[in-house]
Amino acid sequence: MSTIVDAEAWAARIRAGDVRALSRAITAIENRDPAARDLLARLFPSTGAAYLIGCTGAPGTGKSTLVDRLATHYRHANDPVGVIAVDPTSPYTGGAILGDRIRMQGHAGDSGIFIRSMATRGRLGGLSAATADAALLLDAAGKRIVLIETVGVGQDEVDVVRLADCTIVLLVPGLGDDVQSMKAGLMEIADIFVINKSDHDGADRLDQQISAMLDLAPDLSAWRPPIVHTVASEGRGVDKLAEAIASFREHTEKSPAREARKIDHWKRRLLAMLESEISERVLTSPHGAEQLKALAKEVAERRKEPYTAVREIAARAGF
């Protein structure tokens, strides 16, 4: 009974925006603490009001600086803001090695903003495995704008589009052959393009290349991604970017595709959660890890084909 009471008290503190309770909950999610699942289930009915903005692009494009400036913009408008910065994993501690909280110290003391660095822990796709759940926690805690900065790994970064309501792709002049050097998957997920460091030579050429690419797109009748020029280090262009985000939000909220997009997002999330649940059940079953290793050895030595091995694993786990 006390565990239930404690969980509900924990959830109530998060709904009230308690920073310590929120930090503790995100840590529990990252550590796959069983208590986190119950907590999220209690908080889920309190979610759905936050607007999630993903910021992605190659390393060195200035994502952290732009996110910091966007956060400042929304705080000036008195919007409660949450920031999730997904950083590379330290090989020594397993934690985030870049620490965007250090780079965003200008927000220290502002109770209206919560910033959390999260490690990828080896996960591809630019997002930590716990990012989506952390975004739900920030939503439940009353953050109405949630900025998600991805690690900057290139093509695999497209996972962000499945989570964010609006996806910003950052480019900068002078990276190789500009657009030709970017991976197609990353270029195709943008709701808004940002040319950061636009005071550098080549910004206009890059703008022309993006426009030419968009001209070749099969169907942009619903929404053509705008191209916004910024110099994030000086705060230039951030207001125009915020205007573009507001325009996209207004457009999608009126669009019949909005509901379909949300359904598709949760279909993917449910499948991912199902995969995680199955893997966890296999590994936590009696002798599950040892049996998995033994089967892997048989497959590696070609004494058993993998399809039969998978069926055996599923049967032992009760599927």
Protein backbone atom coordinates (compact mmCIF):
# COMPACT_ATOMS: atom_id res chain seq x y z
CA MET A 1 0.00 0.00 0.00
CA SER A 2 2.83 2.39 0.85
CA THR A 3 4.41 1.79 -2.58
CA ILE A 4 1.18 2.90 -4.29
CA VAL A 5 0.94 5.95 -2.07
CA ASP A 6 4.60 6.83 -2.75
CA ALA A 7 4.12 6.44 -6.51
CA GLU A 8 1.06 8.68 -6.47
CA ALA A 9 2.87 11.26 -4.34
CA TRP A 10 5.78 11.15 -6.80
CA ALA A 11 3.40 11.66 -9.73
CA ALA A 12 1.70 14.56 -7.93
CA ARG A 13 5.04 16.28 -7.38
CA ILE A 14 5.86 15.95 -11.08
CA ARG A 15 2.47 17.37 -12.07
CA ALA A 16 3.29 20.31 -9.80
CA GLY A 17 6.57 20.83 -11.66
CA ASP A 18 8.88 19.70 -8.85
CA VAL A 19 12.39 19.70 -10.35
CA ARG A 20 13.84 17.04 -8.04
CA ALA A 21 10.94 14.66 -8.63
CA LEU A 22 11.25 15.20 -12.38
CA SER A 23 15.03 14.62 -12.38
CA ARG A 24 14.61 11.49 -10.29
CA ALA A 25 11.95 10.18 -12.68
CA ILE A 26 14.11 10.68 -15.78
CA THR A 27 16.99 8.90 -14.07
CA ALA A 28 14.63 6.01 -13.24
CA ILE A 29 13.61 5.82 -16.90
CA GLU A 30 17.22 5.81 -18.10
CA ASN A 31 18.08 3.06 -15.61
CA ARG A 32 15.01 1.02 -16.59
CA ASP A 33 13.75 1.11 -13.01
CA PRO A 34 10.46 -0.86 -12.80
CA ALA A 35 8.97 2.00 -10.77
CA ALA A 36 9.26 4.27 -13.83
CA ARG A 37 6.70 2.26 -15.77
CA ASP A 38 4.05 2.64 -13.07
CA LEU A 39 4.86 6.31 -12.74
CA LEU A 40 4.45 6.94 -16.49
CA ALA A 41 1.16 5.06 -16.49
CA ARG A 42 -0.13 7.35 -13.73
CA LEU A 43 1.07 10.49 -15.52
CA PHE A 44 -0.03 9.62 -19.04
CA PRO A 45 -3.58 11.06 -18.65
CA SER A 46 -1.92 14.39 -17.78
CA THR A 47 -0.01 14.55 -21.07
CA GLY A 48 -0.85 15.77 -24.56
CA ALA A 49 -0.58 19.54 -24.15
CA ALA A 50 3.13 19.99 -24.90
CA TYR A 51 4.44 20.89 -28.35
CA LEU A 52 7.58 18.92 -29.22
CA ILE A 53 10.19 20.57 -31.43
CA GLY A 54 13.04 18.40 -32.71
CA CYS A 55 16.32 20.00 -33.70
CA THR A 56 18.65 17.83 -35.76
CA GLY A 57 21.59 18.10 -38.12
CA ALA A 58 25.23 17.17 -38.52
CA PRO A 59 27.73 17.81 -35.72
CA GLY A 60 29.03 21.36 -35.75
CA THR A 61 25.91 23.00 -37.12
CA GLY A 62 25.22 24.83 -33.87
CA LYS A 63 22.24 22.86 -32.59
CA SER A 64 22.93 23.52 -28.91
CA THR A 65 23.29 27.26 -29.43
CA LEU A 66 20.11 27.44 -31.48
CA VAL A 67 18.14 25.41 -28.94
CA ASP A 68 19.43 27.69 -26.19
CA ARG A 69 18.27 30.77 -28.12
CA LEU A 70 14.89 29.21 -28.89
CA ALA A 71 14.43 28.38 -25.23
CA THR A 72 15.18 32.01 -24.37
CA HIS A 73 12.62 33.17 -26.94
CA TYR A 74 9.87 31.00 -25.47
CA ARG A 75 10.76 31.94 -21.91
CA HIS A 76 10.43 35.62 -22.85
CA ALA A 77 6.91 34.71 -23.97
CA ASN A 78 6.45 33.09 -20.52
CA ASP A 79 6.05 29.59 -21.96
CA PRO A 80 7.23 26.80 -19.62
CA VAL A 81 10.06 25.07 -21.51
CA GLY A 82 11.69 21.68 -21.30
CA VAL A 83 14.93 20.81 -23.10
CA ILE A 84 16.18 17.28 -23.78
CA ALA A 85 19.68 17.24 -25.21
CA VAL A 86 20.78 13.82 -26.42
CA ASP A 87 24.57 13.59 -26.22
CA PRO A 88 27.15 10.90 -27.02
CA THR A 89 27.78 8.36 -24.28
CA SER A 90 30.90 8.48 -22.14
CA PRO A 91 32.85 5.22 -22.51
CA TYR A 92 33.75 5.50 -18.80
CA THR A 93 30.53 6.44 -17.02
CA GLY A 94 27.82 5.65 -19.56
CA GLY A 95 26.57 9.22 -19.14
CA ALA A 96 26.35 12.14 -21.53
CA ILE A 97 29.81 13.54 -22.26
CA LEU A 98 28.96 16.96 -23.69
CA GLY A 99 26.57 18.16 -21.01
CA ASP A 100 24.30 20.76 -22.63
CA ARG A 101 23.24 21.86 -19.17
CA ILE A 102 26.72 23.39 -18.89
CA ARG A 103 26.35 25.17 -22.23
CA MET A 104 22.95 26.57 -21.20
CA GLN A 105 23.92 28.00 -17.83
CA GLY A 106 22.28 31.30 -18.73
CA HIS A 107 18.97 29.70 -17.69
CA ALA A 108 20.20 28.81 -14.20
CA GLY A 109 17.74 30.03 -11.62
CA ASP A 110 14.81 30.13 -14.05
CA SER A 111 12.19 27.78 -12.62
CA GLY A 112 10.25 27.92 -15.88
CA ILE A 113 12.81 25.86 -17.76
CA PHE A 114 14.10 22.34 -17.21
CA ILE A 115 17.19 21.12 -19.09
CA ARG A 116 18.36 17.53 -19.17
CA SER A 117 21.26 15.93 -21.05
CA MET A 118 20.72 12.28 -21.89
CA ALA A 119 23.22 9.77 -23.22
CA THR A 120 22.50 7.73 -26.34
CA ARG A 121 23.97 4.65 -24.60
CA GLY A 122 24.87 3.21 -27.97
CA ARG A 123 21.45 3.67 -29.53
CA LEU A 124 21.34 4.74 -33.17
CA GLY A 125 18.77 7.15 -34.53
CA GLY A 126 20.03 10.19 -32.69
CA LEU A 127 17.67 9.70 -29.75
CA SER A 128 18.19 8.09 -26.40
CA ALA A 129 15.94 5.08 -25.78
CA ALA A 130 14.42 7.06 -22.91
CA THR A 131 13.87 10.32 -24.80
CA ALA A 132 10.23 9.72 -25.67
CA ASP A 133 9.34 8.86 -22.07
CA ALA A 134 11.31 11.85 -20.79
CA ALA A 135 9.28 14.06 -23.13
CA LEU A 136 6.09 12.63 -21.62
CA LEU A 137 7.36 13.50 -18.14
CA LEU A 138 8.08 17.10 -19.17
CA ASP A 139 4.62 17.27 -20.72
CA ALA A 140 3.03 16.03 -17.49
CA ALA A 141 5.13 18.54 -15.52
CA GLY A 142 3.49 21.40 -17.40
CA LYS A 143 6.18 22.21 -19.97
CA ARG A 144 4.27 23.49 -22.97
CA ILE A 145 7.31 23.67 -25.27
CA VAL A 146 9.71 20.72 -25.31
CA LEU A 147 12.88 21.17 -27.36
CA ILE A 148 14.68 17.96 -28.32
CA GLU A 149 18.25 18.30 -29.56
CA THR A 150 19.60 15.14 -31.15
CA VAL A 151 23.16 13.90 -31.05
CA GLY A 152 24.02 14.68 -34.67
CA VAL A 153 24.81 11.33 -36.24
CA GLY A 154 23.52 11.84 -39.79
CA GLN A 155 21.17 9.52 -41.64
CA ASP A 156 20.12 7.44 -38.64
CA GLU A 157 18.93 10.63 -36.96
CA VAL A 158 15.53 10.41 -38.69
CA ASP A 159 14.06 8.83 -35.53
CA VAL A 160 13.39 12.36 -34.33
CA VAL A 161 10.57 12.85 -36.82
CA ARG A 162 8.62 10.06 -35.16
CA LEU A 163 8.68 11.89 -31.86
CA ALA A 164 8.58 15.61 -32.66
CA ASP A 165 5.55 17.62 -33.71
CA CYS A 166 7.88 19.86 -35.71
CA THR A 167 11.32 18.89 -37.01
CA ILE A 168 14.02 21.48 -37.70
CA VAL A 169 17.00 20.44 -39.81
CA LEU A 170 20.12 22.58 -39.38
CA LEU A 171 22.64 23.07 -42.15
CA VAL A 172 25.66 25.34 -42.35
CA PRO A 173 27.58 26.67 -45.36
CA GLY A 174 30.83 25.00 -46.31
CA LEU A 175 30.24 21.40 -45.25
CA GLY A 176 31.67 19.53 -48.24
CA ASP A 177 29.29 19.73 -51.18
CA ASP A 178 26.58 21.21 -48.98
CA VAL A 179 23.23 19.51 -49.72
CA GLN A 180 24.90 16.81 -51.82
CA SER A 181 26.93 15.80 -48.78
CA MET A 182 23.85 15.30 -46.62
CA LYS A 183 22.06 11.98 -46.36
CA ALA A 184 18.70 11.78 -48.09
CA GLY A 185 16.86 10.56 -45.00
CA LEU A 186 17.90 13.58 -42.98
CA MET A 187 16.98 15.99 -45.76
CA GLU A 188 13.52 14.48 -46.17
CA ILE A 189 12.31 14.84 -42.59
CA ALA A 190 12.52 18.63 -42.34
CA ASP A 191 9.42 20.67 -41.57
CA ILE A 192 11.71 23.70 -41.45
CA PHE A 193 15.25 24.15 -42.77
CA VAL A 194 17.63 26.42 -40.89
CA ILE A 195 20.83 27.70 -42.44
CA ASN A 196 22.82 28.55 -39.35
CA LYS A 197 26.04 30.60 -39.41
CA SER A 198 24.42 32.34 -42.37
CA ASP A 199 26.95 35.17 -42.11
CA HIS A 200 29.52 32.77 -43.59
CA ASP A 201 30.31 32.57 -47.30
CA GLY A 202 28.11 30.14 -49.20
CA ALA A 203 24.85 30.69 -47.29
CA ASP A 204 22.99 31.96 -50.36
CA ARG A 205 24.31 29.10 -52.46
CA LEU A 206 23.14 26.61 -49.84
CA ASP A 207 19.71 28.28 -49.82
CA GLN A 208 19.50 27.87 -53.59
CA GLN A 209 20.47 24.20 -53.34
CA ILE A 210 17.79 23.49 -50.75
CA SER A 211 15.19 25.34 -52.83
CA ALA A 212 16.20 23.34 -55.91
CA MET A 213 15.86 20.12 -53.92
CA LEU A 214 12.41 21.15 -52.71
CA ASP A 215 11.38 21.96 -56.29
CA LEU A 216 12.05 18.31 -57.15
CA ALA A 217 9.97 16.96 -54.28
CA PRO A 218 6.93 14.94 -55.47
CA ASP A 219 4.30 16.75 -53.43
CA LEU A 220 4.74 19.89 -51.37
CA SER A 221 1.25 21.20 -51.97
CA ALA A 222 0.35 20.85 -48.29
CA TRP A 223 3.47 22.39 -46.74
CA ARG A 224 6.69 23.56 -48.32
CA PRO A 225 9.42 23.69 -45.67
CA PRO A 226 10.61 27.28 -45.31
CA ILE A 227 14.31 28.11 -45.22
CA VAL A 228 15.28 30.34 -42.29
CA HIS A 229 18.67 32.02 -41.99
CA THR A 230 20.13 32.35 -38.49
CA VAL A 231 23.29 33.31 -36.69
CA ALA A 232 22.44 31.54 -33.45
CA SER A 233 25.54 32.72 -31.61
CA GLU A 234 24.22 36.28 -31.94
CA GLY A 235 20.52 35.44 -31.71
CA ARG A 236 19.90 36.63 -35.25
CA GLY A 237 16.98 34.99 -37.07
CA VAL A 238 15.61 33.20 -33.99
CA ASP A 239 12.40 35.28 -34.00
CA LYS A 240 11.83 34.36 -37.65
CA LEU A 241 12.41 30.71 -36.83
CA ALA A 242 9.85 30.91 -34.01
CA GLU A 243 7.40 32.47 -36.49
CA ALA A 244 8.00 29.61 -38.91
CA ILE A 245 7.38 27.07 -36.12
CA ALA A 246 4.14 28.86 -35.19
CA SER A 247 3.03 28.83 -38.85
CA PHE A 248 3.74 25.12 -39.16
CA ARG A 249 1.89 24.41 -35.94
CA GLU A 250 -1.13 26.37 -37.12
CA HIS A 251 -1.01 24.58 -40.47
CA THR A 252 -0.84 21.08 -38.98
CA GLU A 253 -3.53 21.73 -36.39
CA LYS A 254 -5.92 22.52 -39.23
CA SER A 255 -4.75 19.61 -41.35
CA PRO A 256 -6.69 16.33 -41.50
CA ALA A 257 -3.32 14.56 -41.59
CA ARG A 258 -2.58 15.65 -38.00
CA GLU A 259 -4.55 12.83 -36.41
CA ALA A 260 -3.10 10.29 -38.82
CA ARG A 261 0.40 11.46 -37.92
CA LYS A 262 -0.29 11.02 -34.21
CA ILE A 263 -1.76 7.56 -34.77
CA ASP A 264 1.27 6.55 -36.84
CA HIS A 265 3.57 7.87 -34.10
CA TRP A 266 1.86 5.78 -31.43
CA LYS A 267 1.73 2.72 -33.66
CA ARG A 268 5.52 2.91 -33.97
CA ARG A 269 5.90 3.59 -30.25
CA LEU A 270 3.71 0.63 -29.33
CA LEU A 271 5.69 -1.68 -31.61
CA ALA A 272 8.96 -0.44 -30.11
CA MET A 273 7.58 -0.92 -26.60
CA LEU A 274 6.41 -4.42 -27.55
CA GLU A 275 9.88 -5.31 -28.83
CA SER A 276 11.39 -4.00 -25.61
CA GLU A 277 8.89 -5.95 -23.51
CA ILE A 278 9.62 -9.18 -25.36
CA SER A 279 13.39 -8.71 -25.06
CA GLU A 280 13.10 -7.93 -21.37
CA ARG A 281 10.93 -10.97 -20.72
CA VAL A 282 13.39 -13.21 -22.55
CA LEU A 283 16.41 -11.87 -20.65
CA THR A 284 14.75 -11.84 -17.23
CA SER A 285 13.22 -15.30 -17.47
CA PRO A 286 14.98 -18.05 -15.46
CA HIS A 287 18.34 -18.71 -17.14
CA GLY A 288 17.19 -16.54 -20.07
CA ALA A 289 20.53 -14.82 -20.66
CA GLU A 290 22.44 -18.12 -20.49
CA GLN A 291 20.01 -19.83 -22.86
CA LEU A 292 20.24 -16.93 -25.29
CA LYS A 293 24.04 -17.11 -25.25
CA ALA A 294 23.95 -20.89 -25.77
CA LEU A 295 21.61 -20.56 -28.75
CA ALA A 296 23.75 -17.76 -30.20
CA LYS A 297 26.78 -20.07 -29.94
CA GLU A 298 24.93 -22.84 -31.78
CA VAL A 299 23.91 -20.44 -34.54
CA ALA A 300 27.41 -18.96 -34.81
CA GLU A 301 28.83 -22.49 -35.18
CA ARG A 302 26.18 -23.30 -37.80
CA ARG A 303 24.76 -26.11 -35.67
CA LYS A 304 21.36 -24.44 -35.65
CA GLU A 305 19.71 -21.99 -38.05
CA PRO A 306 18.54 -18.68 -36.51
CA TYR A 307 14.87 -19.02 -37.41
CA THR A 308 14.43 -22.13 -35.28
CA ALA A 309 16.47 -20.46 -32.52
CA VAL A 310 14.12 -17.47 -32.45
CA ARG A 311 11.08 -19.75 -32.19
CA GLU A 312 12.72 -21.56 -29.29
CA ILE A 313 13.43 -18.27 -27.51
CA ALA A 314 9.85 -17.11 -28.01
CA ALA A 315 8.45 -20.45 -26.76
CA ARG A 316 10.60 -20.37 -23.61
CA ALA A 317 9.40 -16.85 -22.90
CA GLY A 318 5.79 -17.95 -23.20
CA PHE A 319 4.93 -16.47 -26.61
